Amino acid sequence: MFDYDTYPELERGTVSRDEMTIAPENNFTNVLVLRELESHAVFTTDGQSADLANVAVGSGDDRETYSPGLMFMRKQTGSDRRFGKSLQRDLLGTECTMQVNGMCQDCVECILYGSAASDDADQQLSITSRVMYDTAYTLRDATATIDEKFQNAPGDDYAKTAEATIREPDFFEPGTLFPSVITLRDATPEELAFVLGITAKNKRYGAATSRLGRVKNHILGVYTGSEEGPANLGLTRDVVTRLRDSDETTAGSIQDVITAAAHDPQLVGELLQSAFDDRVDAERGGLDLECIPDDTVDDLLEAATGDSLADVLETQLDASRAFLEQTA
């Protein structure tokens, strides 16, 4: 479906379906994403307290240490995997589970995102994921992005006593932004389209997603080459300093940026893409990556979010199964 004669820019950083191999090579595709919370969200490890880090940003007199909130990598990949499997069920009728030892290992999602060895005695292979996520960091300090909300689960009696169901979990506020990069290794163009479709269509992350955790994923660019792109932490630091220096903000210091009430997603997206491009720039001793033209990304997204996604997955399915058969 995505012929290299039509899209030669995809050849660098991806592999064709008939060249998939279980021996890793250095073909990388990096998808630059800005995740924007459109509702409250819960990202915790213990079910109560938000995950935080201590990060230094800036230099010289304008150097600050702040505590960004984290969207841990598992919060991203777990949600995306569940959504990807549901897409397959809708479009191909493929039945597969997220149970650790119960994945089918016979679908596009399992072959791309990986799976542990099956409980089936005849299928004792584990498959390494070729989609890599990194923990994402907020641009603002936890004091500006996280709030405790009192919750309980009362009964229906007129009078009742306090119970253990009362809790005060940490909630990330709507409008919180997370710069993020998703990296594919040795993926086919069809697998790239699948990941783009998941990223564009998935809207829920974190805990209690039936009521919370609505996210808008802004896909800002796709980069291909022989290595991974910049880490989320470095990009987050870059965006913070660019917000300080931007004429479109009133920030005069790092402290102003990390404690701001909100940041404009469009401006942050532009600054994030600029930060990624600067780190790639070879003249600065950067990375062996090239930006895929917007027209090609638009074609990939159209295929990934429209009626043709079923055809994309059907086309990839035989190649994914042939990939696994190389272990026989």
Protein backbone atom coordinates (compact mmCIF):
# COMPACT_ATOMS: atom_id res chain seq x y z
CA MET A 1 0.00 0.00 0.00
CA PHE A 2 2.90 2.36 0.75
CA ASP A 3 5.25 1.66 -2.12
CA TYR A 4 8.78 3.05 -1.87
CA ASP A 5 8.51 4.19 -5.48
CA THR A 6 5.59 6.40 -4.45
CA TYR A 7 6.98 7.36 -1.04
CA PRO A 8 10.79 7.07 -1.27
CA GLU A 9 11.13 9.08 1.95
CA LEU A 10 9.71 6.10 3.87
CA GLU A 11 12.51 3.77 2.78
CA ARG A 12 14.92 5.34 5.24
CA GLY A 13 13.90 4.29 8.72
CA THR A 14 11.41 1.57 7.77
CA VAL A 15 11.61 -1.90 6.18
CA SER A 16 9.42 -3.36 3.47
CA ARG A 17 6.98 -6.11 4.42
CA ASP A 18 8.98 -8.82 2.65
CA GLU A 19 12.22 -7.76 4.39
CA MET A 20 11.05 -8.09 8.00
CA THR A 21 13.64 -10.01 9.98
CA ILE A 22 13.95 -11.22 13.57
CA ALA A 23 17.56 -9.96 13.60
CA PRO A 24 17.44 -6.30 14.78
CA GLU A 25 18.67 -3.60 12.41
CA ASN A 26 18.97 0.15 12.84
CA ASN A 27 15.88 1.48 11.09
CA PHE A 28 14.12 4.00 13.30
CA THR A 29 10.97 6.05 12.89
CA ASN A 30 10.24 8.71 15.52
CA VAL A 31 6.75 10.17 15.95
CA LEU A 32 6.72 13.53 17.75
CA VAL A 33 3.56 13.99 19.83
CA LEU A 34 2.23 16.63 22.20
CA ARG A 35 -0.27 15.07 24.60
CA GLU A 36 -2.86 17.54 25.91
CA LEU A 37 -5.23 16.67 28.77
CA GLU A 38 -8.82 17.59 27.94
CA SER A 39 -10.17 16.44 31.31
CA HIS A 40 -8.81 15.52 34.72
CA ALA A 41 -6.57 12.45 34.65
CA VAL A 42 -5.04 10.09 37.19
CA PHE A 43 -1.48 8.87 36.60
CA THR A 44 -0.27 7.06 39.71
CA THR A 45 1.66 3.95 40.67
CA ASP A 46 0.09 3.44 44.09
CA GLY A 47 -3.43 4.58 43.16
CA GLN A 48 -3.15 7.66 45.34
CA SER A 49 -0.09 9.86 44.70
CA ALA A 50 0.96 11.23 41.33
CA ASP A 51 4.36 10.18 40.04
CA LEU A 52 6.85 13.08 40.25
CA ALA A 53 10.49 13.77 39.40
CA ASN A 54 13.05 16.44 40.30
CA VAL A 55 14.42 18.13 37.19
CA ALA A 56 16.89 20.97 36.72
CA VAL A 57 16.23 23.34 33.83
CA GLY A 58 17.90 26.51 32.58
CA SER A 59 21.41 27.71 33.26
CA GLY A 60 23.34 30.39 35.09
CA ASP A 61 21.32 32.77 37.21
CA ASP A 62 18.09 31.51 35.64
CA ARG A 63 18.45 27.89 36.67
CA GLU A 64 15.60 26.21 38.53
CA THR A 65 14.81 22.78 39.91
CA TYR A 66 11.16 21.83 39.62
CA SER A 67 8.96 18.77 40.15
CA PRO A 68 7.16 17.83 36.93
CA GLY A 69 4.32 15.34 36.96
CA LEU A 70 4.96 12.15 35.00
CA MET A 71 2.97 10.17 32.49
CA PHE A 72 4.89 6.97 33.06
CA MET A 73 5.71 4.99 29.91
CA ARG A 74 3.42 2.12 30.95
CA LYS A 75 0.46 4.52 31.15
CA GLN A 76 0.99 5.28 27.47
CA THR A 77 1.77 1.88 26.01
CA GLY A 78 -0.91 0.06 28.03
CA SER A 79 -3.65 2.35 26.78
CA ASP A 80 -2.36 2.30 23.20
CA ARG A 81 -2.12 -1.49 23.17
CA ARG A 82 -5.68 -1.93 24.41
CA PHE A 83 -6.90 0.49 21.77
CA GLY A 84 -4.86 -1.23 19.04
CA LYS A 85 -6.32 -4.62 19.92
CA SER A 86 -9.84 -3.17 19.85
CA LEU A 87 -9.14 -1.71 16.39
CA GLN A 88 -8.12 -5.16 15.17
CA ARG A 89 -11.29 -6.71 16.58
CA ASP A 90 -13.41 -4.09 14.81
CA LEU A 91 -11.63 -4.24 11.46
CA LEU A 92 -10.33 -7.81 11.17
CA GLY A 93 -12.33 -9.79 13.70
CA THR A 94 -9.06 -10.73 15.40
CA GLU A 95 -9.48 -11.99 18.95
CA CYS A 96 -6.53 -11.23 21.22
CA THR A 97 -6.20 -10.41 24.90
CA MET A 98 -4.00 -8.17 27.02
CA GLN A 99 -3.41 -11.01 29.47
CA VAL A 100 0.34 -11.37 29.79
CA ASN A 101 0.59 -15.03 28.81
CA GLY A 102 -2.58 -15.17 26.77
CA MET A 103 -1.79 -13.04 23.72
CA CYS A 104 -2.40 -14.73 20.39
CA GLN A 105 1.04 -13.90 18.89
CA ASP A 106 -0.70 -14.15 15.52
CA CYS A 107 -1.83 -10.58 14.88
CA VAL A 108 -0.24 -7.32 13.76
CA GLU A 109 -0.44 -5.81 17.26
CA CYS A 110 1.31 -8.73 19.00
CA ILE A 111 4.10 -8.88 16.42
CA LEU A 112 4.69 -5.12 16.61
CA TYR A 113 4.15 -4.36 20.31
CA GLY A 114 5.55 -7.66 21.58
CA SER A 115 4.26 -10.38 23.87
CA ALA A 116 5.42 -12.79 26.55
CA ALA A 117 5.61 -16.54 25.99
CA SER A 118 2.19 -18.11 25.69
CA ASP A 119 0.64 -20.57 28.13
CA ASP A 120 0.30 -22.83 25.10
CA ALA A 121 3.02 -25.50 25.32
CA ASP A 122 3.40 -25.38 21.54
CA GLN A 123 4.07 -21.63 21.54
CA GLN A 124 6.88 -20.79 23.96
CA LEU A 125 8.24 -17.76 22.13
CA SER A 126 8.43 -14.25 23.50
CA ILE A 127 8.36 -11.33 21.06
CA THR A 128 10.27 -8.11 21.77
CA SER A 129 8.36 -4.90 21.21
CA ARG A 130 9.48 -2.74 18.30
CA VAL A 131 7.54 0.28 19.61
CA MET A 132 9.38 2.24 22.31
CA TYR A 133 7.85 4.77 24.69
CA ASP A 134 9.52 7.09 27.17
CA THR A 135 8.17 8.62 30.36
CA ALA A 136 6.69 12.05 29.59
CA TYR A 137 7.09 15.15 31.80
CA THR A 138 4.85 18.15 32.38
CA LEU A 139 6.18 21.57 31.41
CA ARG A 140 4.86 23.04 34.65
CA ASP A 141 5.57 22.16 38.26
CA ALA A 142 3.33 19.70 40.08
CA THR A 143 1.97 22.56 42.21
CA ALA A 144 0.47 24.05 39.02
CA THR A 145 -0.67 20.84 37.31
CA ILE A 146 -1.82 18.52 40.10
CA ASP A 147 -4.65 18.92 42.58
CA GLU A 148 -6.08 16.66 45.27
CA LYS A 149 -9.78 15.93 44.85
CA PHE A 150 -11.81 14.54 47.73
CA GLN A 151 -13.65 11.36 46.71
CA ASN A 152 -15.89 8.89 48.47
CA ALA A 153 -18.28 6.12 47.61
CA PRO A 154 -21.29 6.73 49.89
CA GLY A 155 -24.12 4.33 50.46
CA ASP A 156 -27.79 5.31 50.09
CA ASP A 157 -28.70 5.55 53.78
CA TYR A 158 -29.77 8.92 55.20
CA ALA A 159 -27.02 8.72 57.81
CA LYS A 160 -23.73 6.92 57.39
CA THR A 161 -20.27 6.80 58.92
CA ALA A 162 -16.93 7.45 57.26
CA GLU A 163 -15.56 4.39 55.48
CA ALA A 164 -12.27 3.29 53.92
CA THR A 165 -13.66 4.22 50.50
CA ILE A 166 -12.96 7.88 51.22
CA ARG A 167 -9.70 8.99 49.58
CA GLU A 168 -7.93 12.01 48.13
CA PRO A 169 -6.09 10.93 44.96
CA ASP A 170 -3.95 13.31 42.90
CA PHE A 171 -5.56 14.57 39.71
CA PHE A 172 -3.74 16.16 36.78
CA GLU A 173 -5.55 19.31 35.69
CA PRO A 174 -7.09 19.77 32.20
CA GLY A 175 -4.74 21.64 29.88
CA THR A 176 -1.62 19.87 31.16
CA LEU A 177 0.84 19.21 28.31
CA PHE A 178 3.28 16.31 27.90
CA PRO A 179 5.93 16.44 25.11
CA SER A 180 6.43 12.87 23.92
CA VAL A 181 8.23 10.77 21.30
CA ILE A 182 7.12 7.32 20.12
CA THR A 183 9.91 5.36 18.41
CA LEU A 184 9.45 2.41 16.06
CA ARG A 185 12.37 0.12 15.21
CA ASP A 186 12.51 -1.94 12.01
CA ALA A 187 8.81 -1.25 11.38
CA THR A 188 7.09 -1.41 8.01
CA PRO A 189 5.20 1.59 6.58
CA GLU A 190 1.96 -0.30 7.32
CA GLU A 191 2.99 -0.75 10.96
CA LEU A 192 3.83 2.96 11.12
CA ALA A 193 0.34 3.75 9.79
CA PHE A 194 -1.14 1.48 12.48
CA VAL A 195 0.74 3.32 15.26
CA LEU A 196 -0.28 6.69 13.82
CA GLY A 197 -3.88 5.53 13.73
CA ILE A 198 -3.74 4.42 17.37
CA THR A 199 -2.10 7.70 18.41
CA ALA A 200 -4.59 9.85 16.51
CA LYS A 201 -7.71 7.96 17.60
CA ASN A 202 -6.94 6.94 21.19
CA LYS A 203 -8.50 9.44 23.60
CA ARG A 204 -8.19 7.91 27.09
CA TYR A 205 -5.13 7.40 29.32
CA GLY A 206 -4.54 6.68 33.00
CA ALA A 207 -6.92 5.32 35.62
CA ALA A 208 -10.74 5.50 35.60
CA THR A 209 -10.84 6.11 31.84
CA SER A 210 -14.60 5.63 31.68
CA ARG A 211 -14.90 8.99 33.48
CA LEU A 212 -11.47 10.65 33.32
CA GLY A 213 -8.26 10.83 31.34
CA ARG A 214 -9.39 12.32 28.04
CA VAL A 215 -6.30 13.24 26.00
CA LYS A 216 -5.77 14.88 22.63
CA ASN A 217 -2.63 13.63 20.90
CA HIS A 218 -1.22 16.28 18.56
CA ILE A 219 1.00 14.53 15.98
CA LEU A 220 3.61 17.16 15.12
CA GLY A 221 6.02 15.29 12.84
CA VAL A 222 7.54 11.98 11.78
CA TYR A 223 11.31 11.49 11.49
CA THR A 224 13.18 8.52 10.00
CA GLY A 225 16.81 7.46 10.12
CA SER A 226 19.37 5.20 11.74
CA GLU A 227 18.90 6.20 15.39
CA GLU A 228 16.40 7.15 18.05
CA GLY A 229 15.31 10.72 18.45
CA PRO A 230 15.80 12.97 21.49
CA ALA A 231 14.55 11.91 24.91
CA ASN A 232 11.34 13.40 26.28
CA LEU A 233 13.21 14.99 29.18
CA GLY A 234 15.60 16.91 26.94
CA LEU A 235 12.75 18.13 24.74
CA THR A 236 10.75 19.21 27.79
CA ARG A 237 13.70 21.24 29.08
CA ASP A 238 14.12 22.83 25.63
CA VAL A 239 10.45 23.84 25.46
CA VAL A 240 10.57 25.39 28.94
CA THR A 241 13.49 27.63 28.00
CA ARG A 242 11.89 28.50 24.65
CA LEU A 243 8.69 29.53 26.42
CA ARG A 244 10.78 31.80 28.64
CA ASP A 245 12.42 33.40 25.59
CA SER A 246 9.31 33.58 23.37
CA ASP A 247 7.83 36.98 22.46
CA GLU A 248 4.40 35.36 22.61
CA THR A 249 4.50 34.82 26.38
CA THR A 250 4.86 37.17 29.32
CA ALA A 251 7.33 34.86 31.06
CA GLY A 252 10.58 36.50 32.07
CA SER A 253 12.14 33.57 33.86
CA ILE A 254 12.10 29.79 34.16
CA GLN A 255 10.11 30.21 37.37
CA ASP A 256 7.40 32.07 35.45
CA VAL A 257 7.14 29.21 32.94
CA ILE A 258 6.96 26.32 35.39
CA THR A 259 4.40 28.05 37.64
CA ALA A 260 2.19 29.50 34.88
CA ALA A 261 -1.55 28.92 35.07
CA ALA A 262 -1.55 27.44 31.56
CA HIS A 263 0.34 27.28 28.26
CA ASP A 264 -1.02 27.61 24.73
CA PRO A 265 -0.95 24.14 23.08
CA GLN A 266 -0.41 25.59 19.61
CA LEU A 267 2.59 27.64 20.71
CA VAL A 268 4.02 24.73 22.69
CA GLY A 269 3.58 22.47 19.66
CA GLU A 270 5.51 24.89 17.47
CA LEU A 271 8.30 25.25 20.03
CA LEU A 272 8.44 21.48 20.56
CA GLN A 273 8.83 20.80 16.86
CA SER A 274 11.50 23.50 16.62
CA ALA A 275 13.36 21.96 19.58
CA PHE A 276 13.27 18.51 17.94
CA ASP A 277 14.49 19.94 14.62
CA ASP A 278 17.37 21.75 16.31
CA ARG A 279 18.51 18.56 18.05
CA VAL A 280 18.39 16.72 14.72
CA ASP A 281 20.31 19.44 12.86
CA ALA A 282 23.55 17.87 11.63
CA GLU A 283 25.36 21.23 11.73
CA ARG A 284 25.04 21.08 15.50
CA GLY A 285 26.44 17.55 15.64
CA GLY A 286 22.90 16.25 15.82
CA LEU A 287 21.12 13.05 14.89
CA ASP A 288 20.97 10.95 11.73
CA LEU A 289 17.28 11.65 11.14
CA GLU A 290 15.23 13.29 8.41
CA CYS A 291 11.76 14.79 8.66
CA ILE A 292 9.12 13.09 6.50
CA PRO A 293 7.24 15.68 4.39
CA ASP A 294 3.86 16.74 5.75
CA ASP A 295 2.08 15.47 2.63
CA THR A 296 3.34 11.94 3.26
CA VAL A 297 2.38 12.11 6.95
CA ASP A 298 -1.08 13.32 5.90
CA ASP A 299 -1.43 10.34 3.54
CA LEU A 300 -0.39 7.96 6.32
CA LEU A 301 -2.84 9.55 8.73
CA GLU A 302 -5.64 9.43 6.17
CA ALA A 303 -5.04 5.71 5.70
CA ALA A 304 -4.70 5.17 9.44
CA THR A 305 -7.87 6.98 10.50
CA GLY A 306 -10.16 6.24 7.54
CA ASP A 307 -11.87 3.26 5.98
CA SER A 308 -8.64 1.98 4.44
CA LEU A 309 -7.08 1.05 7.83
CA ALA A 310 -8.63 -2.42 7.47
CA ASP A 311 -6.79 -2.83 4.16
CA VAL A 312 -3.55 -1.65 5.78
CA LEU A 313 -3.88 -4.25 8.54
CA GLU A 314 -4.88 -7.01 6.11
CA THR A 315 -1.83 -6.21 4.00
CA GLN A 316 0.46 -6.32 7.04
CA LEU A 317 -1.06 -9.44 8.63
CA ASP A 318 0.54 -11.99 6.28
CA ALA A 319 3.93 -10.28 6.64
CA SER A 320 3.63 -10.31 10.45
CA ARG A 321 2.89 -14.02 10.45
CA ALA A 322 5.80 -14.69 8.08
CA PHE A 323 8.04 -12.71 10.46
CA LEU A 324 7.17 -15.03 13.32
CA GLU A 325 7.68 -18.13 11.16
CA GLN A 326 11.37 -17.24 10.86
CA THR A 327 11.86 -18.76 14.32
CA ALA A 328 10.67 -22.20 13.17
